[in-house]
Amino acid sequence: RKPLILNKACILGCLLPATADPARDLEIFEKLMGMDKSSLERRLEAKKDKEKRFILGQFRATGHKAPYRKWVQLASRAEECGEELFEHIWDTVNAHLKTEAHSFPELIEQLGIMRFGRRPSLADTFCGSGQIPFEAARLGCEVYASDINPVASMLTWGALNVIGGSPARQAELEKQRREITAMV
């Protein structure tokens, strides 16, 4: 199984335009992945134990030059931090990409319109447990997924409709679960 962050990287990589400034393109990609200095600092701050606070101190004291592998291992994953992790990136991202986004779904829609004339669609005909469609939907793509294996299809449906469902959808499913549990 592929990590969701790898799927996010692949989807963004397919949509982000290459400009005449590859170093700046990489900087923008790192911001979108939660790997820029400010995001990494926030990801480290999300952890509370003593060793992680020590690494955060090293990270700041060395001008963000603590051993990369060490502080990435100690930091929260970007998806664990929520959308507030990315609040600081949108002005820079928008200036570089000539967009007006303040969230990933807005950015994906605008990049899709720039490139394809519409919101991007992703079709995964051998979706397995649905990691690629799940991440694509979370980013804001229109998603089509199928698999001949009925268990794989069920896992994908669950990822898209239960885990990735709207708060209202999740509340409705929770209500149904309680009703079924009471009947049993």
N, C-alpha and C. Protein backbone atom coordinates (compact mmCIF):
# COMPACT_ATOMS: atom_id res chain seq x y z
N ARG A 1 0.84 -1.19 0.00
CA ARG A 1 0.00 0.00 0.00
C ARG A 1 0.88 1.24 0.00
N LYS A 2 0.48 2.19 -0.81
CA LYS A 2 1.23 3.43 -0.92
C LYS A 2 0.78 4.40 0.16
N PRO A 3 1.71 5.13 0.75
CA PRO A 3 1.30 6.17 1.72
C PRO A 3 0.49 7.26 1.02
N LEU A 4 -0.49 7.82 1.71
CA LEU A 4 -1.32 8.87 1.12
C LEU A 4 -0.48 10.05 0.66
N ILE A 5 0.57 10.37 1.38
CA ILE A 5 1.39 11.52 1.03
C ILE A 5 2.06 11.30 -0.34
N LEU A 6 2.39 10.06 -0.67
CA LEU A 6 2.96 9.76 -1.99
C LEU A 6 1.92 10.00 -3.08
N ASN A 7 0.68 9.60 -2.82
CA ASN A 7 -0.39 9.85 -3.78
C ASN A 7 -0.60 11.35 -3.97
N LYS A 8 -0.57 12.10 -2.88
CA LYS A 8 -0.71 13.55 -2.97
C LYS A 8 0.40 14.14 -3.83
N ALA A 9 1.62 13.70 -3.61
CA ALA A 9 2.76 14.20 -4.38
C ALA A 9 2.59 13.91 -5.86
N CYS A 10 2.14 12.71 -6.19
CA CYS A 10 1.95 12.33 -7.61
C CYS A 10 0.85 13.17 -8.26
N ILE A 11 -0.25 13.36 -7.56
CA ILE A 11 -1.36 14.13 -8.12
C ILE A 11 -0.95 15.58 -8.31
N LEU A 12 -0.32 16.17 -7.31
CA LEU A 12 0.15 17.56 -7.46
C LEU A 12 1.19 17.66 -8.57
N GLY A 13 2.08 16.67 -8.65
CA GLY A 13 3.10 16.68 -9.70
C GLY A 13 2.51 16.66 -11.10
N CYS A 14 1.37 16.01 -11.25
CA CYS A 14 0.70 15.97 -12.55
C CYS A 14 0.03 17.30 -12.89
N LEU A 15 -0.34 18.07 -11.90
CA LEU A 15 -1.10 19.30 -12.14
C LEU A 15 -0.28 20.58 -12.08
N LEU A 16 0.80 20.58 -11.32
CA LEU A 16 1.59 21.80 -11.18
C LEU A 16 2.33 22.12 -12.48
N PRO A 17 2.26 23.35 -12.92
CA PRO A 17 2.98 23.72 -14.14
C PRO A 17 4.47 23.86 -13.88
N ALA A 18 5.27 23.53 -14.86
CA ALA A 18 6.71 23.77 -14.79
C ALA A 18 6.94 25.18 -15.32
N THR A 19 7.67 25.99 -14.57
CA THR A 19 7.95 27.35 -15.00
C THR A 19 9.42 27.46 -15.39
N ALA A 20 9.84 28.66 -15.71
CA ALA A 20 11.24 28.90 -16.07
C ALA A 20 12.14 28.92 -14.83
N ASP A 21 11.56 28.80 -13.64
CA ASP A 21 12.32 28.84 -12.39
C ASP A 21 12.14 27.54 -11.62
N PRO A 22 12.90 26.48 -11.97
CA PRO A 22 12.71 25.18 -11.33
C PRO A 22 12.95 25.20 -9.82
N ALA A 23 13.88 26.04 -9.34
CA ALA A 23 14.13 26.11 -7.90
C ALA A 23 12.89 26.63 -7.17
N ARG A 24 12.25 27.63 -7.75
CA ARG A 24 11.02 28.18 -7.16
C ARG A 24 9.88 27.16 -7.26
N ASP A 25 9.81 26.43 -8.38
CA ASP A 25 8.81 25.37 -8.52
C ASP A 25 8.95 24.35 -7.39
N LEU A 26 10.18 23.95 -7.09
CA LEU A 26 10.44 23.00 -6.01
C LEU A 26 10.03 23.59 -4.67
N GLU A 27 10.35 24.84 -4.45
CA GLU A 27 9.97 25.52 -3.20
C GLU A 27 8.45 25.51 -3.01
N ILE A 28 7.72 25.79 -4.07
CA ILE A 28 6.25 25.79 -4.01
C ILE A 28 5.74 24.38 -3.74
N PHE A 29 6.32 23.39 -4.42
CA PHE A 29 5.93 21.99 -4.19
C PHE A 29 6.15 21.61 -2.73
N GLU A 30 7.29 21.99 -2.17
CA GLU A 30 7.58 21.68 -0.77
C GLU A 30 6.57 22.34 0.16
N LYS A 31 6.16 23.56 -0.13
CA LYS A 31 5.13 24.23 0.68
C LYS A 31 3.82 23.45 0.61
N LEU A 32 3.44 23.02 -0.59
CA LEU A 32 2.18 22.28 -0.76
C LEU A 32 2.23 20.91 -0.08
N MET A 33 3.41 20.36 0.09
CA MET A 33 3.57 19.07 0.75
C MET A 33 3.78 19.21 2.26
N GLY A 34 3.86 20.45 2.76
CA GLY A 34 4.11 20.65 4.19
C GLY A 34 5.54 20.37 4.58
N MET A 35 6.47 20.62 3.64
CA MET A 35 7.88 20.33 3.87
C MET A 35 8.76 21.57 3.92
N ASP A 36 8.16 22.76 3.83
CA ASP A 36 8.95 23.98 3.94
C ASP A 36 9.33 24.19 5.41
N LYS A 37 10.25 25.10 5.66
CA LYS A 37 10.76 25.30 7.03
C LYS A 37 9.66 25.63 8.03
N SER A 38 8.79 26.52 7.66
CA SER A 38 7.72 26.92 8.57
C SER A 38 6.77 25.76 8.86
N SER A 39 6.42 25.00 7.84
CA SER A 39 5.53 23.84 8.03
C SER A 39 6.19 22.78 8.89
N LEU A 40 7.48 22.53 8.64
CA LEU A 40 8.18 21.53 9.43
C LEU A 40 8.26 21.94 10.89
N GLU A 41 8.47 23.21 11.13
CA GLU A 41 8.48 23.71 12.50
C GLU A 41 7.11 23.47 13.15
N ARG A 42 6.05 23.76 12.44
CA ARG A 42 4.69 23.54 12.96
C ARG A 42 4.44 22.05 13.19
N ARG A 43 4.94 21.22 12.29
CA ARG A 43 4.76 19.77 12.45
C ARG A 43 5.51 19.26 13.67
N LEU A 44 6.67 19.83 13.95
CA LEU A 44 7.42 19.46 15.15
C LEU A 44 6.71 19.96 16.41
N GLU A 45 6.16 21.17 16.36
CA GLU A 45 5.46 21.72 17.51
C GLU A 45 4.21 20.91 17.86
N ALA A 46 3.66 20.20 16.89
CA ALA A 46 2.47 19.39 17.15
C ALA A 46 2.77 18.23 18.09
N LYS A 47 4.04 17.85 18.21
CA LYS A 47 4.44 16.79 19.13
C LYS A 47 4.81 17.41 20.47
N LYS A 48 4.47 16.73 21.55
CA LYS A 48 4.60 17.34 22.87
C LYS A 48 5.71 16.75 23.74
N ASP A 49 6.22 15.57 23.44
CA ASP A 49 7.14 14.96 24.39
C ASP A 49 8.51 15.64 24.40
N LYS A 50 9.29 15.31 25.39
CA LYS A 50 10.55 16.00 25.68
C LYS A 50 11.56 15.91 24.52
N GLU A 51 11.78 14.72 23.95
CA GLU A 51 12.76 14.57 22.87
C GLU A 51 12.36 15.41 21.66
N LYS A 52 11.09 15.46 21.37
CA LYS A 52 10.64 16.21 20.21
C LYS A 52 10.82 17.71 20.44
N ARG A 53 10.60 18.18 21.67
CA ARG A 53 10.85 19.59 21.97
C ARG A 53 12.34 19.90 21.85
N PHE A 54 13.18 18.94 22.25
CA PHE A 54 14.63 19.11 22.13
C PHE A 54 15.02 19.23 20.66
N ILE A 55 14.48 18.35 19.81
CA ILE A 55 14.79 18.40 18.38
C ILE A 55 14.31 19.72 17.78
N LEU A 56 13.14 20.19 18.21
CA LEU A 56 12.63 21.48 17.72
C LEU A 56 13.60 22.59 18.10
N GLY A 57 14.13 22.55 19.32
CA GLY A 57 15.12 23.54 19.74
C GLY A 57 16.37 23.47 18.88
N GLN A 58 16.84 22.25 18.58
CA GLN A 58 18.00 22.08 17.69
C GLN A 58 17.69 22.62 16.30
N PHE A 59 16.53 22.31 15.83
CA PHE A 59 16.08 22.73 14.50
C PHE A 59 16.16 24.25 14.39
N ARG A 60 15.68 24.95 15.40
CA ARG A 60 15.71 26.41 15.38
C ARG A 60 17.12 26.95 15.61
N ALA A 61 17.86 26.36 16.55
CA ALA A 61 19.19 26.85 16.90
C ALA A 61 20.19 26.70 15.76
N THR A 62 20.01 25.68 14.94
CA THR A 62 20.95 25.44 13.84
C THR A 62 20.48 26.07 12.53
N GLY A 63 19.50 26.96 12.63
CA GLY A 63 18.98 27.57 11.41
C GLY A 63 18.28 26.55 10.54
N HIS A 64 17.57 25.62 11.18
CA HIS A 64 16.80 24.59 10.49
C HIS A 64 17.71 23.56 9.81
N LYS A 65 18.88 23.31 10.40
CA LYS A 65 19.81 22.35 9.79
C LYS A 65 19.99 21.09 10.64
N ALA A 66 19.04 20.80 11.54
CA ALA A 66 19.10 19.54 12.27
C ALA A 66 19.02 18.40 11.26
N PRO A 67 19.53 17.22 11.61
CA PRO A 67 19.50 16.11 10.64
C PRO A 67 18.08 15.87 10.13
N TYR A 68 17.94 15.96 8.82
CA TYR A 68 16.63 15.88 8.17
C TYR A 68 15.88 14.62 8.59
N ARG A 69 16.53 13.47 8.47
CA ARG A 69 15.87 12.21 8.78
C ARG A 69 15.36 12.20 10.22
N LYS A 70 16.11 12.75 11.14
CA LYS A 70 15.72 12.73 12.55
C LYS A 70 14.48 13.56 12.79
N TRP A 71 14.48 14.82 12.31
CA TRP A 71 13.30 15.63 12.64
C TRP A 71 12.08 15.25 11.85
N VAL A 72 12.24 14.67 10.66
CA VAL A 72 11.07 14.18 9.92
C VAL A 72 10.46 12.98 10.65
N GLN A 73 11.32 12.11 11.21
CA GLN A 73 10.82 10.98 11.98
C GLN A 73 10.04 11.45 13.21
N LEU A 74 10.47 12.55 13.80
CA LEU A 74 9.86 13.02 15.04
C LEU A 74 8.65 13.92 14.81
N ALA A 75 8.53 14.50 13.65
CA ALA A 75 7.44 15.43 13.38
C ALA A 75 6.14 14.68 13.12
N SER A 76 5.04 15.37 13.37
CA SER A 76 3.74 14.84 12.97
C SER A 76 3.70 14.78 11.46
N ARG A 77 2.91 13.87 10.92
CA ARG A 77 2.72 13.84 9.47
C ARG A 77 1.86 15.04 9.10
N ALA A 78 2.05 15.55 7.89
CA ALA A 78 1.31 16.74 7.45
C ALA A 78 -0.19 16.53 7.55
N GLU A 79 -0.68 15.35 7.18
CA GLU A 79 -2.13 15.11 7.22
C GLU A 79 -2.67 15.02 8.64
N GLU A 80 -1.80 14.84 9.63
CA GLU A 80 -2.24 14.83 11.03
C GLU A 80 -2.44 16.24 11.58
N CYS A 81 -1.91 17.23 10.90
CA CYS A 81 -1.91 18.60 11.41
C CYS A 81 -3.12 19.42 10.97
N GLY A 82 -3.85 18.96 9.98
CA GLY A 82 -5.03 19.69 9.52
C GLY A 82 -4.67 20.82 8.56
N GLU A 83 -5.70 21.47 8.07
CA GLU A 83 -5.54 22.52 7.06
C GLU A 83 -4.79 23.75 7.60
N GLU A 84 -4.83 23.96 8.92
CA GLU A 84 -4.12 25.13 9.47
C GLU A 84 -2.62 25.06 9.23
N LEU A 85 -2.09 23.87 8.98
CA LEU A 85 -0.67 23.74 8.66
C LEU A 85 -0.32 24.53 7.41
N PHE A 86 -1.28 24.67 6.49
CA PHE A 86 -1.01 25.29 5.20
C PHE A 86 -1.46 26.74 5.11
N GLU A 87 -1.96 27.32 6.19
CA GLU A 87 -2.48 28.70 6.13
C GLU A 87 -1.45 29.71 5.63
N HIS A 88 -0.19 29.49 5.98
CA HIS A 88 0.86 30.46 5.64
C HIS A 88 1.35 30.38 4.20
N ILE A 89 0.94 29.38 3.43
CA ILE A 89 1.54 29.17 2.11
C ILE A 89 0.81 29.84 0.97
N TRP A 90 -0.48 30.17 1.15
CA TRP A 90 -1.32 30.50 0.00
C TRP A 90 -0.92 31.76 -0.74
N ASP A 91 -0.47 32.80 -0.06
CA ASP A 91 -0.04 34.01 -0.77
C ASP A 91 1.14 33.72 -1.70
N THR A 92 2.11 32.97 -1.19
CA THR A 92 3.29 32.63 -1.99
C THR A 92 2.93 31.70 -3.14
N VAL A 93 2.13 30.68 -2.85
CA VAL A 93 1.71 29.73 -3.89
C VAL A 93 0.93 30.45 -4.98
N ASN A 94 -0.02 31.29 -4.58
CA ASN A 94 -0.85 32.01 -5.56
C ASN A 94 -0.03 32.96 -6.42
N ALA A 95 0.93 33.64 -5.80
CA ALA A 95 1.76 34.57 -6.56
C ALA A 95 2.57 33.81 -7.63
N HIS A 96 3.08 32.64 -7.27
CA HIS A 96 3.90 31.87 -8.21
C HIS A 96 3.05 31.21 -9.30
N LEU A 97 1.91 30.66 -8.91
CA LEU A 97 1.10 29.89 -9.86
C LEU A 97 0.04 30.72 -10.57
N LYS A 98 -0.09 32.00 -10.15
CA LYS A 98 -1.13 32.88 -10.71
C LYS A 98 -2.53 32.31 -10.46
N THR A 99 -2.74 31.90 -9.21
CA THR A 99 -4.02 31.37 -8.77
C THR A 99 -4.55 32.26 -7.65
N GLU A 100 -5.73 31.94 -7.16
CA GLU A 100 -6.35 32.68 -6.05
C GLU A 100 -6.91 31.70 -5.03
N ALA A 101 -6.21 30.63 -4.76
CA ALA A 101 -6.69 29.56 -3.89
C ALA A 101 -6.34 29.82 -2.43
N HIS A 102 -7.18 29.27 -1.55
CA HIS A 102 -6.90 29.29 -0.12
C HIS A 102 -7.14 27.92 0.49
N SER A 103 -7.23 26.90 -0.36
CA SER A 103 -7.36 25.51 0.07
C SER A 103 -6.94 24.62 -1.09
N PHE A 104 -6.70 23.35 -0.79
CA PHE A 104 -6.31 22.43 -1.86
C PHE A 104 -7.42 22.23 -2.90
N PRO A 105 -8.68 22.04 -2.49
CA PRO A 105 -9.71 21.90 -3.53
C PRO A 105 -9.78 23.12 -4.46
N GLU A 106 -9.63 24.32 -3.91
CA GLU A 106 -9.64 25.52 -4.76
C GLU A 106 -8.44 25.52 -5.69
N LEU A 107 -7.27 25.17 -5.18
CA LEU A 107 -6.06 25.14 -6.01
C LEU A 107 -6.18 24.11 -7.11
N ILE A 108 -6.64 22.92 -6.76
CA ILE A 108 -6.76 21.86 -7.75
C ILE A 108 -7.74 22.27 -8.84
N GLU A 109 -8.86 22.86 -8.45
CA GLU A 109 -9.83 23.30 -9.45
C GLU A 109 -9.22 24.35 -10.37
N GLN A 110 -8.53 25.34 -9.81
CA GLN A 110 -7.94 26.40 -10.62
C GLN A 110 -6.83 25.86 -11.54
N LEU A 111 -6.00 24.97 -11.02
CA LEU A 111 -4.95 24.38 -11.87
C LEU A 111 -5.58 23.53 -12.98
N GLY A 112 -6.63 22.81 -12.66
CA GLY A 112 -7.32 22.01 -13.67
C GLY A 112 -7.92 22.87 -14.76
N ILE A 113 -8.54 23.97 -14.36
CA ILE A 113 -9.12 24.88 -15.36
C ILE A 113 -8.03 25.49 -16.23
N MET A 114 -6.90 25.85 -15.62
CA MET A 114 -5.79 26.41 -16.39
C MET A 114 -5.25 25.39 -17.40
N ARG A 115 -5.19 24.14 -16.99
CA ARG A 115 -4.57 23.12 -17.83
C ARG A 115 -5.54 22.41 -18.77
N PHE A 116 -6.75 22.09 -18.25
CA PHE A 116 -7.70 21.27 -19.01
C PHE A 116 -9.00 21.99 -19.35
N GLY A 117 -9.22 23.17 -18.78
CA GLY A 117 -10.46 23.89 -19.01
C GLY A 117 -11.59 23.46 -18.08
N ARG A 118 -11.29 22.61 -17.10
CA ARG A 118 -12.30 22.13 -16.15
C ARG A 118 -11.60 21.56 -14.91
N ARG A 119 -12.40 21.31 -13.90
CA ARG A 119 -11.86 20.65 -12.70
C ARG A 119 -11.30 19.29 -13.12
N PRO A 120 -10.12 18.93 -12.61
CA PRO A 120 -9.51 17.67 -13.05
C PRO A 120 -10.30 16.44 -12.59
N SER A 121 -10.29 15.43 -13.43
CA SER A 121 -10.90 14.14 -13.12
C SER A 121 -9.80 13.11 -13.01
N LEU A 122 -10.01 12.14 -12.15
CA LEU A 122 -9.09 11.03 -12.01
C LEU A 122 -9.89 9.75 -12.11
N ALA A 123 -9.48 8.85 -12.97
CA ALA A 123 -10.12 7.54 -13.10
C ALA A 123 -9.08 6.48 -12.75
N ASP A 124 -9.43 5.62 -11.82
CA ASP A 124 -8.54 4.53 -11.41
C ASP A 124 -9.32 3.23 -11.60
N THR A 125 -9.04 2.52 -12.69
CA THR A 125 -9.81 1.34 -13.04
C THR A 125 -9.36 0.08 -12.29
N PHE A 126 -8.22 0.14 -11.64
CA PHE A 126 -7.75 -0.97 -10.80
C PHE A 126 -7.42 -0.38 -9.43
N CYS A 127 -8.43 0.15 -8.76
CA CYS A 127 -8.22 1.01 -7.59
C CYS A 127 -7.79 0.27 -6.33
N GLY A 128 -7.93 -1.02 -6.29
CA GLY A 128 -7.55 -1.75 -5.08
C GLY A 128 -8.30 -1.21 -3.88
N SER A 129 -7.58 -0.87 -2.83
CA SER A 129 -8.25 -0.36 -1.62
C SER A 129 -8.54 1.13 -1.70
N GLY A 130 -8.18 1.78 -2.79
CA GLY A 130 -8.64 3.13 -3.05
C GLY A 130 -7.80 4.28 -2.56
N GLN A 131 -6.50 4.07 -2.32
CA GLN A 131 -5.68 5.18 -1.82
C GLN A 131 -5.59 6.33 -2.81
N ILE A 132 -5.40 6.02 -4.09
CA ILE A 132 -5.27 7.08 -5.08
C ILE A 132 -6.58 7.84 -5.24
N PRO A 133 -7.72 7.16 -5.42
CA PRO A 133 -8.98 7.92 -5.51
C PRO A 133 -9.29 8.71 -4.23
N PHE A 134 -8.98 8.14 -3.08
CA PHE A 134 -9.24 8.83 -1.82
C PHE A 134 -8.47 10.14 -1.77
N GLU A 135 -7.19 10.08 -2.04
CA GLU A 135 -6.37 11.30 -1.96
C GLU A 135 -6.77 12.29 -3.05
N ALA A 136 -7.08 11.80 -4.23
CA ALA A 136 -7.52 12.70 -5.31
C ALA A 136 -8.82 13.41 -4.93
N ALA A 137 -9.75 12.69 -4.33
CA ALA A 137 -11.01 13.30 -3.89
C ALA A 137 -10.76 14.30 -2.78
N ARG A 138 -9.88 13.96 -1.85
CA ARG A 138 -9.56 14.87 -0.75
C ARG A 138 -8.92 16.16 -1.27
N LEU A 139 -8.15 16.05 -2.34
CA LEU A 139 -7.53 17.23 -2.92
C LEU A 139 -8.51 18.06 -3.74
N GLY A 140 -9.59 17.44 -4.20
CA GLY A 140 -10.59 18.20 -4.94
C GLY A 140 -10.84 17.75 -6.36
N CYS A 141 -10.28 16.63 -6.76
CA CYS A 141 -10.52 16.10 -8.11
C CYS A 141 -11.88 15.40 -8.16
N GLU A 142 -12.44 15.35 -9.36
CA GLU A 142 -13.60 14.50 -9.59
C GLU A 142 -13.04 13.09 -9.77
N VAL A 143 -13.61 12.11 -9.07
CA VAL A 143 -13.00 10.79 -9.02
C VAL A 143 -13.94 9.70 -9.51
N TYR A 144 -13.37 8.78 -10.31
CA TYR A 144 -14.06 7.57 -10.76
C TYR A 144 -13.14 6.41 -10.40
N ALA A 145 -13.68 5.41 -9.72
CA ALA A 145 -12.85 4.29 -9.30
C ALA A 145 -13.63 2.99 -9.43
N SER A 146 -12.93 1.93 -9.83
CA SER A 146 -13.55 0.62 -9.91
C SER A 146 -12.47 -0.45 -9.75
N ASP A 147 -12.94 -1.63 -9.42
CA ASP A 147 -12.05 -2.77 -9.32
C ASP A 147 -12.91 -4.01 -9.49
N ILE A 148 -12.39 -5.04 -10.12
CA ILE A 148 -13.14 -6.27 -10.32
C ILE A 148 -13.31 -7.02 -9.00
N ASN A 149 -12.41 -6.82 -8.08
CA ASN A 149 -12.46 -7.47 -6.77
C ASN A 149 -13.51 -6.78 -5.91
N PRO A 150 -14.57 -7.47 -5.48
CA PRO A 150 -15.62 -6.81 -4.70
C PRO A 150 -15.13 -6.29 -3.35
N VAL A 151 -14.14 -6.94 -2.75
CA VAL A 151 -13.60 -6.44 -1.48
C VAL A 151 -12.87 -5.12 -1.71
N ALA A 152 -12.11 -5.04 -2.80
CA ALA A 152 -11.42 -3.79 -3.13
C ALA A 152 -12.43 -2.67 -3.38
N SER A 153 -13.50 -2.99 -4.09
CA SER A 153 -14.53 -1.98 -4.34
C SER A 153 -15.17 -1.50 -3.05
N MET A 154 -15.41 -2.43 -2.13
CA MET A 154 -15.99 -2.06 -0.84
C MET A 154 -15.04 -1.16 -0.05
N LEU A 155 -13.75 -1.49 -0.06
CA LEU A 155 -12.77 -0.66 0.64
C LEU A 155 -12.70 0.74 0.05
N THR A 156 -12.74 0.83 -1.27
CA THR A 156 -12.72 2.13 -1.92
C THR A 156 -13.97 2.92 -1.57
N TRP A 157 -15.13 2.28 -1.61
CA TRP A 157 -16.38 2.95 -1.26
C TRP A 157 -16.29 3.49 0.17
N GLY A 158 -15.77 2.67 1.07
CA GLY A 158 -15.63 3.11 2.46
C GLY A 158 -14.68 4.27 2.61
N ALA A 159 -13.57 4.23 1.89
CA ALA A 159 -12.61 5.33 1.96
C ALA A 159 -13.22 6.64 1.48
N LEU A 160 -13.96 6.56 0.38
CA LEU A 160 -14.54 7.78 -0.20
C LEU A 160 -15.77 8.26 0.56
N ASN A 161 -16.61 7.35 1.02
CA ASN A 161 -17.90 7.73 1.59
C ASN A 161 -17.95 7.75 3.11
N VAL A 162 -17.11 6.97 3.76
CA VAL A 162 -17.12 6.95 5.22
C VAL A 162 -16.00 7.83 5.75
N ILE A 163 -14.77 7.44 5.47
CA ILE A 163 -13.62 8.19 5.97
C ILE A 163 -13.55 9.57 5.33
N GLY A 164 -13.74 9.63 4.02
CA GLY A 164 -13.64 10.90 3.31
C GLY A 164 -14.95 11.62 3.14
N GLY A 165 -16.01 11.12 3.74
CA GLY A 165 -17.31 11.76 3.61
C GLY A 165 -17.40 13.07 4.35
N SER A 166 -18.38 13.85 4.00
CA SER A 166 -18.61 15.14 4.67
C SER A 166 -19.00 14.89 6.12
N PRO A 167 -18.86 15.89 6.98
CA PRO A 167 -19.29 15.72 8.38
C PRO A 167 -20.76 15.31 8.48
N ALA A 168 -21.60 15.84 7.60
CA ALA A 168 -23.02 15.47 7.62
C ALA A 168 -23.18 13.98 7.26
N ARG A 169 -22.43 13.53 6.25
CA ARG A 169 -22.50 12.12 5.84
C ARG A 169 -21.99 11.23 6.95
N GLN A 170 -20.90 11.61 7.62
CA GLN A 170 -20.36 10.81 8.71
C GLN A 170 -21.34 10.75 9.87
N ALA A 171 -22.02 11.86 10.17
CA ALA A 171 -23.02 11.87 11.24
C ALA A 171 -24.18 10.94 10.91
N GLU A 172 -24.63 10.96 9.65
CA GLU A 172 -25.71 10.08 9.23
C GLU A 172 -25.30 8.61 9.33
N LEU A 173 -24.09 8.28 8.93
CA LEU A 173 -23.61 6.90 9.04
C LEU A 173 -23.48 6.48 10.50
N GLU A 174 -23.04 7.39 11.35
CA GLU A 174 -22.94 7.09 12.78
C GLU A 174 -24.33 6.82 13.36
N LYS A 175 -25.31 7.62 12.97
CA LYS A 175 -26.69 7.42 13.42
C LYS A 175 -27.19 6.04 12.98
N GLN A 176 -26.94 5.68 11.72
CA GLN A 176 -27.36 4.38 11.22
C GLN A 176 -26.65 3.24 11.96
N ARG A 177 -25.37 3.43 12.26
CA ARG A 177 -24.62 2.40 12.99
C ARG A 177 -25.24 2.18 14.37
N ARG A 178 -25.58 3.27 15.05
CA ARG A 178 -26.20 3.14 16.38
C ARG A 178 -27.55 2.44 16.31
N GLU A 179 -28.35 2.77 15.29
CA GLU A 179 -29.66 2.12 15.13
C GLU A 179 -29.50 0.62 14.89
N ILE A 180 -28.55 0.26 14.05
CA ILE A 180 -28.31 -1.17 13.77
C ILE A 180 -27.81 -1.88 15.01
N THR A 181 -26.91 -1.23 15.74
CA THR A 181 -26.38 -1.81 16.98
C THR A 181 -27.51 -2.03 17.99
N ALA A 182 -28.40 -1.07 18.10
CA ALA A 182 -29.53 -1.19 19.04
C ALA A 182 -30.43 -2.35 18.63
N MET A 183 -30.67 -2.53 17.33
CA MET A 183 -31.51 -3.62 16.85
C MET A 183 -30.87 -4.98 17.14
N VAL A 184 -29.55 -5.06 17.00
CA VAL A 184 -28.85 -6.33 17.23
C VAL A 184 -28.88 -6.65 18.71
